[in-house]
């Protein structure tokens, strides 16, 4: 489900209090926050690594399309993930 209030042109950052990091015990990237941890799959980690407070969703999609040119529907998948991440309050606009 895509967040209906998702703005693809406004830069996003990982929400204050959350931190993206590699977790050796989990053998993957996680999103840490005061109440817990979200284990991320590789695709989610690739997307969130580009969320830097400078790029907007359109720029993130363009960057990923350069890296993964052979993946069909990548733009829709990224939009869907970003909508969920925003709705779950993992991300915030700058």
N, C-alpha and C. Protein backbone atom coordinates (compact mmCIF):
# COMPACT_ATOMS: atom_id res chain seq x y z
N UNK A 1 0.84 -1.19 0.00
CA UNK A 1 0.00 0.00 0.00
C UNK A 1 0.88 1.24 0.00
N UNK A 2 0.62 2.15 -0.91
CA UNK A 2 1.41 3.37 -1.02
C UNK A 2 0.76 4.46 -0.18
N UNK A 3 1.57 5.13 0.60
CA UNK A 3 1.11 6.24 1.43
C UNK A 3 0.61 7.33 0.48
N UNK A 4 -0.64 7.72 0.61
CA UNK A 4 -1.24 8.71 -0.30
C UNK A 4 -0.60 10.09 -0.14
N UNK A 5 0.12 10.31 0.95
CA UNK A 5 0.75 11.60 1.17
C UNK A 5 2.23 11.58 0.82
N UNK A 6 2.69 10.56 0.10
CA UNK A 6 4.08 10.44 -0.27
C UNK A 6 4.44 11.51 -1.30
N UNK A 7 5.45 12.30 -0.99
CA UNK A 7 5.92 13.35 -1.88
C UNK A 7 7.23 12.89 -2.50
N UNK A 8 7.23 12.61 -3.79
CA UNK A 8 8.41 12.05 -4.44
C UNK A 8 9.50 13.08 -4.72
N UNK A 9 9.19 14.36 -4.53
CA UNK A 9 10.16 15.42 -4.84
C UNK A 9 10.80 16.06 -3.62
N UNK A 10 10.34 15.74 -2.45
CA UNK A 10 10.90 16.32 -1.23
C UNK A 10 11.90 15.34 -0.61
N UNK A 11 13.10 15.81 -0.28
CA UNK A 11 14.09 14.92 0.34
C UNK A 11 13.59 14.28 1.63
N UNK A 12 14.02 13.06 1.82
CA UNK A 12 13.67 12.30 3.02
C UNK A 12 14.93 11.94 3.79
N UNK A 13 14.75 11.69 5.07
CA UNK A 13 15.83 11.16 5.89
C UNK A 13 15.24 10.08 6.78
N UNK A 14 16.12 9.27 7.33
CA UNK A 14 15.68 8.29 8.30
C UNK A 14 15.27 9.07 9.54
N UNK A 15 14.13 8.72 10.08
CA UNK A 15 13.54 9.45 11.21
C UNK A 15 14.52 9.57 12.38
N UNK A 16 14.49 10.71 13.03
CA UNK A 16 15.32 10.91 14.22
C UNK A 16 15.02 9.82 15.23
N UNK A 17 16.06 9.30 15.86
CA UNK A 17 15.89 8.21 16.81
C UNK A 17 16.03 6.83 16.18
N UNK A 18 16.05 6.77 14.84
CA UNK A 18 16.25 5.53 14.11
C UNK A 18 17.66 5.53 13.53
N UNK A 19 18.24 4.35 13.40
CA UNK A 19 19.59 4.25 12.83
C UNK A 19 19.69 2.99 11.98
N UNK A 20 20.18 3.16 10.75
CA UNK A 20 20.43 2.05 9.85
C UNK A 20 21.84 1.55 10.10
N UNK A 21 21.99 0.25 10.33
CA UNK A 21 23.34 -0.28 10.53
C UNK A 21 23.38 -1.76 10.17
N UNK A 22 24.61 -2.24 9.89
CA UNK A 22 24.84 -3.65 9.66
C UNK A 22 24.88 -4.33 11.02
N UNK A 23 24.17 -5.43 11.14
CA UNK A 23 24.13 -6.17 12.40
C UNK A 23 24.69 -7.57 12.13
N UNK A 24 25.95 -7.83 12.57
CA UNK A 24 26.57 -9.12 12.30
C UNK A 24 25.76 -10.31 12.82
N UNK A 25 25.16 -10.18 13.98
CA UNK A 25 24.38 -11.28 14.56
C UNK A 25 23.19 -11.64 13.65
N UNK A 26 22.58 -10.62 13.05
CA UNK A 26 21.45 -10.82 12.14
C UNK A 26 21.92 -11.15 10.72
N UNK A 27 23.22 -10.96 10.47
CA UNK A 27 23.80 -11.13 9.14
C UNK A 27 23.06 -10.28 8.10
N UNK A 28 22.77 -9.05 8.49
CA UNK A 28 22.08 -8.15 7.59
C UNK A 28 21.92 -6.77 8.19
N UNK A 29 21.36 -5.88 7.40
CA UNK A 29 21.09 -4.52 7.88
C UNK A 29 19.82 -4.51 8.71
N UNK A 30 19.83 -3.64 9.70
CA UNK A 30 18.67 -3.45 10.56
C UNK A 30 18.42 -1.95 10.73
N UNK A 31 17.23 -1.64 11.09
CA UNK A 31 16.86 -0.28 11.44
C UNK A 31 16.58 -0.31 12.94
N UNK A 32 17.47 0.34 13.70
CA UNK A 32 17.34 0.36 15.16
C UNK A 32 16.54 1.58 15.59
N UNK A 33 15.74 1.40 16.62
CA UNK A 33 15.01 2.50 17.23
C UNK A 33 14.87 2.19 18.72
N UNK A 34 14.52 3.17 19.54
CA UNK A 34 14.55 2.97 20.99
C UNK A 34 13.76 1.74 21.48
N UNK A 35 12.66 1.42 20.85
CA UNK A 35 11.83 0.32 21.32
C UNK A 35 12.19 -1.02 20.70
N UNK A 36 13.11 -1.04 19.73
CA UNK A 36 13.41 -2.32 19.10
C UNK A 36 14.25 -2.22 17.85
N UNK A 37 14.01 -3.19 16.96
CA UNK A 37 14.83 -3.33 15.76
C UNK A 37 13.96 -3.92 14.65
N UNK A 38 14.19 -3.43 13.43
CA UNK A 38 13.52 -3.95 12.26
C UNK A 38 14.59 -4.60 11.39
N UNK A 39 14.47 -5.89 11.15
CA UNK A 39 15.40 -6.58 10.28
C UNK A 39 14.99 -6.33 8.84
N UNK A 40 15.94 -5.89 8.02
CA UNK A 40 15.66 -5.51 6.64
C UNK A 40 16.16 -6.57 5.67
N UNK A 41 15.43 -6.74 4.58
CA UNK A 41 15.96 -7.58 3.51
C UNK A 41 16.95 -6.74 2.69
N UNK A 42 17.65 -7.38 1.78
CA UNK A 42 18.69 -6.68 1.01
C UNK A 42 18.13 -5.52 0.20
N UNK A 43 16.95 -5.69 -0.38
CA UNK A 43 16.36 -4.62 -1.19
C UNK A 43 16.05 -3.39 -0.34
N UNK A 44 15.45 -3.61 0.81
CA UNK A 44 15.13 -2.49 1.71
C UNK A 44 16.40 -1.78 2.16
N UNK A 45 17.44 -2.54 2.45
CA UNK A 45 18.71 -1.95 2.88
C UNK A 45 19.31 -1.09 1.76
N UNK A 46 19.28 -1.60 0.52
CA UNK A 46 19.81 -0.81 -0.61
C UNK A 46 19.07 0.52 -0.74
N UNK A 47 17.77 0.48 -0.57
CA UNK A 47 16.97 1.71 -0.67
C UNK A 47 17.31 2.66 0.47
N UNK A 48 17.29 2.16 1.69
CA UNK A 48 17.51 3.04 2.86
C UNK A 48 18.92 3.61 2.91
N UNK A 49 19.89 2.92 2.34
CA UNK A 49 21.25 3.47 2.29
C UNK A 49 21.30 4.77 1.49
N UNK A 50 20.35 4.95 0.58
CA UNK A 50 20.31 6.16 -0.25
C UNK A 50 19.48 7.28 0.38
N UNK A 51 18.79 6.99 1.46
CA UNK A 51 17.99 8.01 2.16
C UNK A 51 18.96 8.79 3.04
N UNK A 52 19.34 9.97 2.56
CA UNK A 52 20.42 10.74 3.22
C UNK A 52 20.04 12.17 3.57
N UNK A 53 18.79 12.52 3.39
CA UNK A 53 18.38 13.90 3.68
C UNK A 53 18.64 14.85 2.52
N UNK A 54 19.29 14.37 1.49
CA UNK A 54 19.59 15.18 0.31
C UNK A 54 18.76 14.73 -0.89
N UNK A 55 18.60 13.43 -1.02
CA UNK A 55 17.89 12.87 -2.18
C UNK A 55 16.39 12.77 -1.90
N UNK A 56 15.63 12.94 -2.97
CA UNK A 56 14.20 12.68 -2.89
C UNK A 56 13.94 11.30 -3.49
N UNK A 57 12.69 10.87 -3.47
CA UNK A 57 12.36 9.53 -3.95
C UNK A 57 12.67 9.39 -5.44
N UNK A 58 12.40 10.40 -6.23
CA UNK A 58 12.71 10.33 -7.66
C UNK A 58 14.21 10.10 -7.88
N UNK A 59 15.04 10.78 -7.11
CA UNK A 59 16.49 10.63 -7.25
C UNK A 59 16.95 9.25 -6.77
N UNK A 60 16.34 8.76 -5.72
CA UNK A 60 16.68 7.43 -5.22
C UNK A 60 16.32 6.37 -6.26
N UNK A 61 15.16 6.49 -6.86
CA UNK A 61 14.76 5.55 -7.91
C UNK A 61 15.74 5.62 -9.08
N UNK A 62 16.11 6.82 -9.50
CA UNK A 62 17.05 6.97 -10.63
C UNK A 62 18.39 6.32 -10.31
N UNK A 63 18.88 6.51 -9.10
CA UNK A 63 20.15 5.90 -8.68
C UNK A 63 20.05 4.37 -8.69
N UNK A 64 18.97 3.84 -8.18
CA UNK A 64 18.79 2.39 -8.16
C UNK A 64 18.62 1.82 -9.55
N UNK A 65 17.97 2.56 -10.44
CA UNK A 65 17.81 2.10 -11.82
C UNK A 65 19.16 2.03 -12.54
N UNK A 66 20.10 2.89 -12.18
CA UNK A 66 21.45 2.80 -12.74
C UNK A 66 22.16 1.55 -12.23
N UNK A 67 21.99 1.24 -10.95
CA UNK A 67 22.65 0.09 -10.33
C UNK A 67 22.02 -1.24 -10.74
N UNK A 68 20.72 -1.22 -10.94
CA UNK A 68 19.97 -2.45 -11.21
C UNK A 68 19.10 -2.29 -12.46
N UNK A 69 19.75 -1.98 -13.56
CA UNK A 69 19.05 -1.67 -14.81
C UNK A 69 18.21 -2.83 -15.34
N UNK A 70 18.56 -4.03 -14.99
CA UNK A 70 17.86 -5.20 -15.52
C UNK A 70 16.66 -5.64 -14.68
N UNK A 71 16.31 -4.88 -13.65
CA UNK A 71 15.20 -5.26 -12.77
C UNK A 71 13.92 -4.56 -13.24
N UNK A 72 12.97 -5.34 -13.76
CA UNK A 72 11.71 -4.73 -14.21
C UNK A 72 10.85 -4.30 -13.02
N UNK A 73 10.16 -3.17 -13.17
CA UNK A 73 9.25 -2.70 -12.13
C UNK A 73 9.91 -2.15 -10.89
N UNK A 74 11.20 -1.86 -10.99
CA UNK A 74 11.95 -1.37 -9.83
C UNK A 74 11.32 -0.10 -9.27
N UNK A 75 10.91 0.81 -10.15
CA UNK A 75 10.34 2.07 -9.67
C UNK A 75 9.09 1.84 -8.84
N UNK A 76 8.23 0.93 -9.26
CA UNK A 76 7.01 0.65 -8.51
C UNK A 76 7.34 0.00 -7.16
N UNK A 77 8.33 -0.91 -7.17
CA UNK A 77 8.73 -1.56 -5.91
C UNK A 77 9.29 -0.55 -4.92
N UNK A 78 10.10 0.37 -5.40
CA UNK A 78 10.68 1.39 -4.52
C UNK A 78 9.58 2.30 -3.97
N UNK A 79 8.68 2.71 -4.83
CA UNK A 79 7.56 3.56 -4.37
C UNK A 79 6.73 2.85 -3.31
N UNK A 80 6.46 1.58 -3.52
CA UNK A 80 5.68 0.82 -2.55
C UNK A 80 6.42 0.74 -1.22
N UNK A 81 7.71 0.41 -1.26
CA UNK A 81 8.49 0.32 -0.03
C UNK A 81 8.55 1.66 0.69
N UNK A 82 8.81 2.72 -0.06
CA UNK A 82 8.92 4.05 0.56
C UNK A 82 7.59 4.46 1.18
N UNK A 83 6.49 4.11 0.53
CA UNK A 83 5.18 4.41 1.10
C UNK A 83 4.96 3.69 2.41
N UNK A 84 5.34 2.42 2.46
CA UNK A 84 5.21 1.66 3.70
C UNK A 84 6.14 2.22 4.78
N UNK A 85 7.40 2.49 4.42
CA UNK A 85 8.37 3.02 5.38
C UNK A 85 7.91 4.36 5.94
N UNK A 86 7.34 5.20 5.10
CA UNK A 86 6.85 6.50 5.56
C UNK A 86 5.62 6.32 6.45
N UNK A 87 4.73 5.43 6.06
CA UNK A 87 3.52 5.18 6.86
C UNK A 87 3.86 4.58 8.23
N UNK A 88 4.96 3.83 8.29
CA UNK A 88 5.40 3.22 9.55
C UNK A 88 6.25 4.19 10.38
N UNK A 89 6.44 5.40 9.87
CA UNK A 89 7.22 6.45 10.55
C UNK A 89 8.71 6.12 10.65
N UNK A 90 9.24 5.35 9.69
CA UNK A 90 10.67 5.10 9.64
C UNK A 90 11.39 6.27 8.97
N UNK A 91 10.66 7.03 8.16
CA UNK A 91 11.23 8.13 7.39
C UNK A 91 10.48 9.42 7.70
N UNK A 92 11.18 10.53 7.48
CA UNK A 92 10.54 11.83 7.61
C UNK A 92 11.10 12.76 6.55
N UNK A 93 10.30 13.74 6.18
CA UNK A 93 10.75 14.74 5.21
C UNK A 93 11.68 15.74 5.87
N UNK A 94 12.62 16.23 5.08
CA UNK A 94 13.56 17.24 5.58
C UNK A 94 12.95 18.61 5.54
